[in-house]
Protein backbone atom coordinates (compact mmCIF):
# COMPACT_ATOMS: atom_id res chain seq x y z
CA UNK A 1 10.88 -24.17 -4.33
CA UNK A 2 8.65 -21.37 -5.57
CA UNK A 3 6.71 -19.28 -3.08
CA UNK A 4 2.99 -18.69 -3.48
CA UNK A 5 2.89 -14.97 -2.69
CA UNK A 6 3.21 -13.16 0.62
CA UNK A 7 1.16 -14.73 3.43
CA UNK A 8 0.76 -11.60 5.51
CA UNK A 9 2.14 -8.18 6.33
CA UNK A 10 2.10 -6.67 9.81
CA UNK A 11 2.25 -2.90 10.22
CA UNK A 12 2.85 -1.45 13.66
CA UNK A 13 0.99 1.84 13.93
CA UNK A 14 2.34 4.70 16.05
CA UNK A 15 -1.17 6.08 16.50
CA UNK A 16 -3.02 2.78 16.56
CA UNK A 17 -6.61 3.96 17.02
CA UNK A 18 -6.33 6.45 14.14
CA UNK A 19 -4.58 3.93 11.88
CA UNK A 20 -7.08 1.21 12.77
CA UNK A 21 -9.97 3.40 11.65
CA UNK A 22 -8.17 4.13 8.37
CA UNK A 23 -7.51 0.44 7.69
CA UNK A 24 -11.05 -0.51 8.79
CA UNK A 25 -12.20 1.36 5.69
CA UNK A 26 -9.29 0.65 3.31
CA UNK A 27 -8.86 -3.10 3.70
CA UNK A 28 -12.52 -4.08 3.16
CA UNK A 29 -12.56 -1.74 0.14
CA UNK A 30 -9.63 -3.80 -1.22
CA UNK A 31 -11.66 -6.98 -0.74
CA UNK A 32 -10.05 -8.21 2.49
CA UNK A 33 -12.29 -9.64 5.20
CA UNK A 34 -11.86 -8.84 8.88
CA UNK A 35 -10.88 -11.92 10.90
CA UNK A 36 -9.66 -10.22 14.09
CA UNK A 37 -10.21 -6.90 15.83
CA UNK A 38 -9.06 -6.78 19.44
CA UNK A 39 -6.41 -5.20 21.68
CA UNK A 40 -3.62 -7.03 19.84
CA UNK A 41 -4.57 -5.75 16.39
CA UNK A 42 -6.87 -5.43 13.41
CA UNK A 43 -6.38 -8.27 10.90
CA UNK A 44 -7.95 -8.82 7.47
CA UNK A 45 -7.40 -11.64 4.97
CA UNK A 46 -8.12 -11.80 1.24
CA UNK A 47 -6.48 -11.79 -2.16
CA UNK A 48 -4.05 -14.54 -1.00
CA UNK A 49 -2.61 -12.36 1.75
CA UNK A 50 -3.34 -10.94 5.17
CA UNK A 51 -2.74 -7.49 6.63
CA UNK A 52 -2.40 -6.99 10.38
CA UNK A 53 -2.33 -3.53 11.96
CA UNK A 54 -0.98 -3.67 15.49
CA UNK A 55 -0.38 -1.18 18.32
CA UNK A 56 3.19 -0.10 19.13
CA UNK A 57 5.17 -0.69 22.30
CA UNK A 58 4.49 2.06 24.83
CA UNK A 59 7.80 3.81 24.12
CA UNK A 60 6.88 4.16 20.43
CA UNK A 61 3.37 5.60 20.86
CA UNK A 62 2.81 8.48 18.45
CA UNK A 63 5.89 7.86 16.29
CA UNK A 64 5.65 8.22 12.51
CA UNK A 65 7.01 5.90 9.86
CA UNK A 66 10.27 6.88 8.14
CA UNK A 67 10.50 5.42 4.65
CA UNK A 68 14.28 5.85 4.42
CA UNK A 69 15.20 4.02 7.62
CA UNK A 70 16.35 0.42 7.55
CA UNK A 71 13.42 -1.93 6.99
CA UNK A 72 10.19 -1.61 5.10
CA UNK A 73 10.08 0.96 2.29
CA UNK A 74 6.45 0.59 1.19
CA UNK A 75 3.67 -1.95 0.67
CA UNK A 76 2.11 -2.42 -2.75
CA UNK A 77 -1.27 -4.05 -3.34
CA UNK A 78 -1.88 -5.46 -6.83
CA UNK A 79 -5.11 -4.47 -8.56
CA UNK A 80 -6.83 -6.46 -11.32
CA UNK A 81 -7.25 -3.51 -13.73
CA UNK A 82 -6.37 0.13 -14.40
CA UNK A 83 -9.98 0.95 -13.59
CA UNK A 84 -9.49 -0.55 -10.12
CA UNK A 85 -6.54 1.80 -9.56
CA UNK A 86 -8.69 4.75 -10.67
CA UNK A 87 -11.52 3.60 -8.40
CA UNK A 88 -9.05 3.33 -5.50
CA UNK A 89 -7.92 6.91 -6.17
CA UNK A 90 -11.49 8.17 -5.87
CA UNK A 91 -11.99 6.13 -2.69
CA UNK A 92 -8.75 7.42 -1.15
CA UNK A 93 -9.76 11.02 -1.85
CA UNK A 94 -13.05 10.36 -0.05
CA UNK A 95 -11.07 8.75 2.77
CA UNK A 96 -9.00 11.96 2.97
CA UNK A 97 -5.80 9.92 2.58
CA UNK A 98 -2.49 11.66 1.99
CA UNK A 99 -2.02 11.19 -1.77
CA UNK A 100 1.67 11.21 -2.74
CA UNK A 101 0.84 10.96 -6.43
CA UNK A 102 -2.27 10.34 -8.48
CA UNK A 103 -2.51 7.33 -10.82
CA UNK A 104 0.18 7.31 -13.48
CA UNK A 105 2.19 4.95 -15.67
CA UNK A 106 5.77 4.17 -14.67
CA UNK A 107 8.56 2.28 -16.39
CA UNK A 108 8.85 -0.65 -13.97
CA UNK A 109 7.06 -2.90 -16.47
CA UNK A 110 5.03 -2.40 -19.65
CA UNK A 111 1.72 -0.81 -18.66
CA UNK A 112 2.68 -0.43 -14.97
CA UNK A 113 0.00 1.88 -13.56
CA UNK A 114 -0.19 2.88 -9.91
CA UNK A 115 -1.17 5.31 -7.19
CA UNK A 116 0.97 6.14 -4.16
CA UNK A 117 -0.44 7.28 -0.81
CA UNK A 118 0.19 7.15 2.93
CA UNK A 119 -1.65 5.88 5.96
CA UNK A 120 -2.12 8.22 8.97
CA UNK A 121 1.34 7.31 10.36
CA UNK A 122 3.05 7.99 7.03
CA UNK A 123 3.43 4.34 5.97
CA UNK A 124 3.79 4.48 2.20
CA UNK A 125 1.22 2.37 0.34
CA UNK A 126 0.79 1.72 -3.36
CA UNK A 127 -1.89 0.10 -5.49
CA UNK A 128 -0.72 -1.00 -8.92
CA UNK A 129 -1.85 -2.81 -12.02
CA UNK A 130 0.52 -4.57 -14.42
CA UNK A 131 -1.07 -6.15 -17.50
CA UNK A 132 -0.12 -9.53 -18.88
CA UNK A 133 3.24 -10.91 -17.89
CA UNK A 134 4.64 -7.52 -16.87
CA UNK A 135 8.43 -7.37 -16.86
CA UNK A 136 8.59 -10.99 -18.08
CA UNK A 137 7.04 -9.84 -21.36
CA UNK A 138 10.08 -7.64 -22.09
CA UNK A 139 12.98 -8.94 -24.22
CA UNK A 140 15.46 -8.86 -21.31
CA UNK A 141 12.93 -9.95 -18.68
CA UNK A 142 14.42 -7.30 -16.44
CA UNK A 143 13.34 -3.97 -15.01
CA UNK A 144 14.59 -1.02 -17.01
CA UNK A 145 16.21 1.64 -14.87
CA UNK A 146 13.58 4.10 -13.76
CA UNK A 147 14.97 7.56 -12.99
CA UNK A 148 14.08 8.66 -9.46
CA UNK A 149 10.95 10.74 -9.29
CA UNK A 150 11.32 14.22 -7.88
CA UNK A 151 10.58 14.28 -4.17
CA UNK A 152 6.97 15.15 -3.56
CA UNK A 153 5.32 16.12 -0.37
CA UNK A 154 2.25 14.12 0.57
CA UNK A 155 -0.85 16.22 0.45
CA UNK A 156 -4.48 15.82 1.27
CA UNK A 157 -6.74 16.12 -1.77
CA UNK A 158 -8.27 19.55 -2.03
């Protein structure tokens, strides 16, 4: 068996109304189309995946995401070009998103180019572009060890 991508991702937002407004702008910008928006969540589909933003249980209202807890680390959307990543950076600045780091190349694969940012609850999001066959174009067809980046504090663009 070989999977055909990820069907959907569901993110539970601690501050649902604030997160919903953020994703109501971000997801259509990424080419996803709204298919649901009601008390149970905001759901968009496109690019062979779906993203659902849902409200938390009452006891978790207002909580923020912790990237180092067990579970999800971050979500990465794949762009079709470097220019798309750069365009997303400009859009995210206009959206007043917390930018963790501006677009840059990393060693995960030849030409790996990405931006890292957070939603209003601190959920880490990435948009990347990898040209060609990516890591499968390397002689070992394996990811080369990438030294950890220095910890950065998310900041709003100024």
